Amino acid sequence: MATSGARTRKNFNGDRTMAKLLEFARLELARSGPLDFSLDTVLRESGVARSSFYHHFGDRSSIIAICQIAELKDSLRAENEVLRLLVEKSSSGEQLFELLAMRIRMNGEEEQVRRRRQRVEMLVLANGNHQLRERLAEAQARGTDYLVATLDIAQGRGLIDPVAPVREIAQAMQSMFIGRVFVDVLEDEEQSRFINEGTITALRLLVRPQT
């Protein structure tokens, strides 16, 4: 029993150390981005020994990837929860669509641009990292399933009359989000407005909001 208790305490301490490292690593990632991410800063601010870090995470790129996946999950959950709330509170499809259009027109804002770039960086990293690819696929699949369920609710309430299966539309919506990266590179407000309005027009044709 003593051995079992010691193992439990060791596991608990290990989990706490990992959580602490991830907390400070996410702060550093938000400050500096993946290219300038400083492991020395994380270790100094967290007070965790370098040997302990290597024991739990292996290398710098691994903890960056894990932090990015965690942030992706958080952002997907937040986006999906906002959309679900809009669906549940809207009294008509047109009201819902106007609220969606307002959010789409915010896609050129700095925070939205940062999130898209981060997702593209993760896609690039995932090509050479099987474990990261699996985590990324899992996070994306869960986000897609939640979005599909939200669109099902909207259809069930008579807010939309989609022209295709809602899963296909959910995939298209997510592709539009990533596709904006090409416009982000231009840093051109007029082009940003064009793609926003094009996205709104395409979505209207796909989901057919009801009055």
Protein backbone atom coordinates (compact mmCIF):
# COMPACT_ATOMS: atom_id res chain seq x y z
CA MET A 1 0.00 0.00 0.00
CA ALA A 2 2.85 2.35 0.82
CA THR A 3 4.29 1.81 -2.64
CA SER A 4 0.90 2.47 -4.23
CA GLY A 5 0.52 5.65 -2.17
CA ALA A 6 3.99 6.86 -3.15
CA ARG A 7 3.18 6.21 -6.82
CA THR A 8 -0.08 8.15 -6.52
CA ARG A 9 1.72 11.13 -4.96
CA LYS A 10 4.37 10.95 -7.68
CA ASN A 11 1.73 10.92 -10.40
CA PHE A 12 -0.09 13.83 -8.75
CA ASN A 13 3.13 15.85 -8.51
CA GLY A 14 3.94 15.03 -12.13
CA ASP A 15 0.50 16.17 -13.31
CA ARG A 16 0.82 19.37 -11.30
CA THR A 17 4.25 20.06 -12.80
CA MET A 18 2.94 19.51 -16.33
CA ALA A 19 -0.05 21.78 -15.70
CA LYS A 20 2.26 24.49 -14.36
CA LEU A 21 4.58 24.27 -17.35
CA LEU A 22 1.63 24.43 -19.76
CA GLU A 23 0.19 27.45 -17.96
CA PHE A 24 3.39 29.46 -18.33
CA ALA A 25 4.10 28.09 -21.79
CA ARG A 26 0.73 29.34 -23.04
CA LEU A 27 1.48 32.78 -21.61
CA GLU A 28 4.84 32.82 -23.38
CA LEU A 29 3.29 31.60 -26.63
CA ALA A 30 0.70 34.38 -26.51
CA ARG A 31 3.46 36.94 -25.86
CA SER A 32 6.09 35.79 -28.33
CA GLY A 33 4.52 33.43 -30.84
CA PRO A 34 5.95 30.03 -31.84
CA LEU A 35 9.07 31.36 -33.60
CA ASP A 36 10.30 33.49 -30.69
CA PHE A 37 8.97 31.22 -27.96
CA SER A 38 11.53 31.15 -25.12
CA LEU A 39 11.81 27.94 -23.12
CA ASP A 40 14.18 29.72 -20.72
CA THR A 41 11.44 32.24 -19.92
CA VAL A 42 8.93 29.45 -19.24
CA LEU A 43 11.32 27.66 -16.90
CA ARG A 44 12.26 30.86 -15.08
CA GLU A 45 8.68 32.02 -14.57
CA SER A 46 7.31 28.59 -13.65
CA GLY A 47 10.21 27.68 -11.36
CA VAL A 48 10.35 24.18 -12.87
CA ALA A 49 13.72 22.52 -13.41
CA ARG A 50 14.91 21.99 -16.98
CA SER A 51 15.37 18.26 -16.33
CA SER A 52 11.76 18.01 -15.22
CA PHE A 53 10.61 19.78 -18.38
CA TYR A 54 12.50 17.36 -20.63
CA HIS A 55 11.13 14.42 -18.64
CA HIS A 56 7.52 15.49 -19.25
CA PHE A 57 7.64 17.10 -22.71
CA GLY A 58 10.84 16.04 -24.44
CA ASP A 59 11.59 19.22 -26.35
CA ARG A 60 10.57 22.81 -27.06
CA SER A 61 8.55 22.03 -30.19
CA SER A 62 6.41 19.47 -28.32
CA ILE A 63 5.20 21.89 -25.66
CA ILE A 64 4.55 24.56 -28.30
CA ALA A 65 2.41 22.10 -30.25
CA ILE A 66 0.48 21.02 -27.15
CA CYS A 67 -0.18 24.67 -26.23
CA GLN A 68 -1.37 25.43 -29.74
CA ILE A 69 -3.74 22.47 -29.69
CA ALA A 70 -5.11 23.62 -26.32
CA GLU A 71 -5.65 27.12 -27.69
CA LEU A 72 -7.30 25.71 -30.81
CA LYS A 73 -9.71 23.70 -28.68
CA ASP A 74 -10.52 26.78 -26.60
CA SER A 75 -11.13 28.98 -29.65
CA LEU A 76 -13.23 26.34 -31.42
CA ARG A 77 -15.31 25.81 -28.30
CA ALA A 78 -15.82 29.56 -27.83
CA GLU A 79 -16.80 30.08 -31.48
CA ASN A 80 -19.18 27.13 -31.44
CA GLU A 81 -20.79 28.15 -28.16
CA VAL A 82 -21.43 31.67 -29.47
CA LEU A 83 -23.06 30.27 -32.61
CA ARG A 84 -25.17 27.84 -30.57
CA LEU A 85 -26.35 30.74 -28.37
CA LEU A 86 -27.28 32.80 -31.44
CA VAL A 87 -29.29 29.87 -32.82
CA GLU A 88 -31.10 29.33 -29.53
CA LYS A 89 -31.94 33.03 -29.04
CA SER A 90 -32.87 34.02 -32.61
CA SER A 91 -36.56 34.35 -33.40
CA SER A 92 -36.12 34.02 -37.18
CA GLY A 93 -33.60 32.80 -39.70
CA GLU A 94 -33.07 36.32 -40.98
CA GLN A 95 -32.26 37.58 -37.50
CA LEU A 96 -29.81 34.71 -37.02
CA PHE A 97 -28.19 35.36 -40.38
CA GLU A 98 -27.74 39.07 -39.73
CA LEU A 99 -25.97 38.25 -36.46
CA LEU A 100 -23.76 35.77 -38.32
CA ALA A 101 -23.01 38.37 -40.98
CA MET A 102 -21.91 40.81 -38.26
CA ARG A 103 -19.45 38.22 -36.93
CA ILE A 104 -18.12 37.43 -40.41
CA ARG A 105 -17.45 41.13 -40.98
CA MET A 106 -15.22 41.04 -37.89
CA ASN A 107 -12.93 38.45 -39.52
CA GLY A 108 -10.37 41.07 -40.52
CA GLU A 109 -9.69 42.05 -36.92
CA GLU A 110 -6.23 41.39 -35.51
CA GLU A 111 -7.26 38.61 -33.12
CA GLN A 112 -9.09 36.71 -35.85
CA VAL A 113 -6.08 37.03 -38.17
CA ARG A 114 -3.80 35.71 -35.41
CA ARG A 115 -6.01 32.66 -34.87
CA ARG A 116 -6.09 31.79 -38.55
CA ARG A 117 -2.32 32.08 -38.86
CA GLN A 118 -1.90 29.88 -35.81
CA ARG A 119 -4.08 27.18 -37.33
CA VAL A 120 -2.10 27.26 -40.57
CA GLU A 121 1.15 26.94 -38.59
CA MET A 122 -0.27 23.89 -36.83
CA LEU A 123 -1.26 22.33 -40.14
CA VAL A 124 2.30 22.76 -41.39
CA LEU A 125 3.78 21.26 -38.21
CA ALA A 126 1.32 18.37 -38.32
CA ASN A 127 2.68 17.19 -41.67
CA GLY A 128 5.83 15.96 -39.96
CA ASN A 129 4.40 15.00 -36.56
CA HIS A 130 2.04 12.04 -36.37
CA GLN A 131 1.04 12.69 -32.76
CA LEU A 132 0.27 16.35 -33.43
CA ARG A 133 -1.71 15.38 -36.54
CA GLU A 134 -3.86 13.03 -34.47
CA ARG A 135 -4.54 15.66 -31.81
CA LEU A 136 -5.32 18.27 -34.44
CA ALA A 137 -7.67 15.90 -36.25
CA GLU A 138 -9.44 15.06 -32.98
CA ALA A 139 -9.91 18.74 -32.07
CA GLN A 140 -11.18 19.57 -35.56
CA ALA A 141 -13.55 16.59 -35.62
CA ARG A 142 -15.09 17.57 -32.29
CA GLY A 143 -15.51 21.15 -33.49
CA THR A 144 -17.16 19.95 -36.68
CA ASP A 145 -19.54 17.65 -34.79
CA TYR A 146 -20.59 20.53 -32.51
CA LEU A 147 -21.17 22.81 -35.51
CA VAL A 148 -23.22 20.11 -37.25
CA ALA A 149 -25.37 19.73 -34.13
CA THR A 150 -25.89 23.51 -34.03
CA LEU A 151 -26.97 23.59 -37.67
CA ASP A 152 -29.32 20.66 -36.96
CA ILE A 153 -30.91 22.71 -34.16
CA ALA A 154 -31.28 25.71 -36.49
CA GLN A 155 -32.91 23.52 -39.13
CA GLY A 156 -35.17 21.87 -36.56
CA ARG A 157 -36.35 25.28 -35.37
CA GLY A 158 -37.15 26.32 -38.93
CA LEU A 159 -34.48 29.04 -38.96
CA ILE A 160 -32.67 27.66 -42.01
CA ASP A 161 -33.53 25.47 -44.99
CA PRO A 162 -30.11 24.21 -46.14
CA VAL A 163 -29.56 23.19 -49.75
CA ALA A 164 -27.13 20.39 -48.75
CA PRO A 165 -26.57 18.09 -45.77
CA VAL A 166 -25.59 20.15 -42.75
CA ARG A 167 -22.28 18.28 -42.35
CA GLU A 168 -21.25 19.37 -45.84
CA ILE A 169 -22.20 22.94 -44.99
CA ALA A 170 -20.28 22.78 -41.70
CA GLN A 171 -17.16 21.66 -43.58
CA ALA A 172 -17.63 24.48 -46.09
CA MET A 173 -17.97 27.06 -43.30
CA GLN A 174 -14.73 25.87 -41.71
CA SER A 175 -12.94 25.94 -45.06
CA MET A 176 -14.04 29.54 -45.59
CA PHE A 177 -12.47 30.47 -42.26
CA ILE A 178 -9.09 28.98 -43.18
CA GLY A 179 -9.32 30.27 -46.76
CA ARG A 180 -9.18 33.85 -45.53
CA VAL A 181 -5.46 33.34 -44.84
CA PHE A 182 -4.71 34.26 -48.45
CA VAL A 183 -6.36 37.65 -47.91
CA ASP A 184 -4.70 38.08 -44.50
CA VAL A 185 -1.30 38.02 -46.23
CA LEU A 186 -2.29 40.96 -48.43
CA GLU A 187 -3.21 43.15 -45.42
CA ASP A 188 -5.63 44.97 -47.72
CA GLU A 189 -8.85 46.25 -46.12
CA GLU A 190 -10.73 46.34 -49.41
CA GLN A 191 -9.85 42.71 -50.21
CA SER A 192 -10.83 41.77 -46.65
CA ARG A 193 -14.23 43.38 -47.18
CA PHE A 194 -14.66 41.59 -50.52
CA ILE A 195 -14.06 38.14 -49.03
CA ASN A 196 -16.32 38.90 -46.05
CA GLU A 197 -19.20 39.87 -48.31
CA GLY A 198 -18.51 36.92 -50.61
CA THR A 199 -18.62 34.57 -47.62
CA ILE A 200 -21.91 36.08 -46.45
CA THR A 201 -23.43 35.68 -49.93
CA ALA A 202 -22.27 32.06 -50.21
CA LEU A 203 -23.60 31.17 -46.75
CA ARG A 204 -26.97 32.73 -47.50
CA LEU A 205 -27.26 30.52 -50.59
CA LEU A 206 -26.19 27.44 -48.61
CA VAL A 207 -28.33 27.76 -45.49
CA ARG A 208 -31.27 29.79 -46.87
CA PRO A 209 -32.33 31.70 -43.73
CA GLN A 210 -36.08 31.70 -43.21
CA THR A 211 -38.23 34.72 -42.36
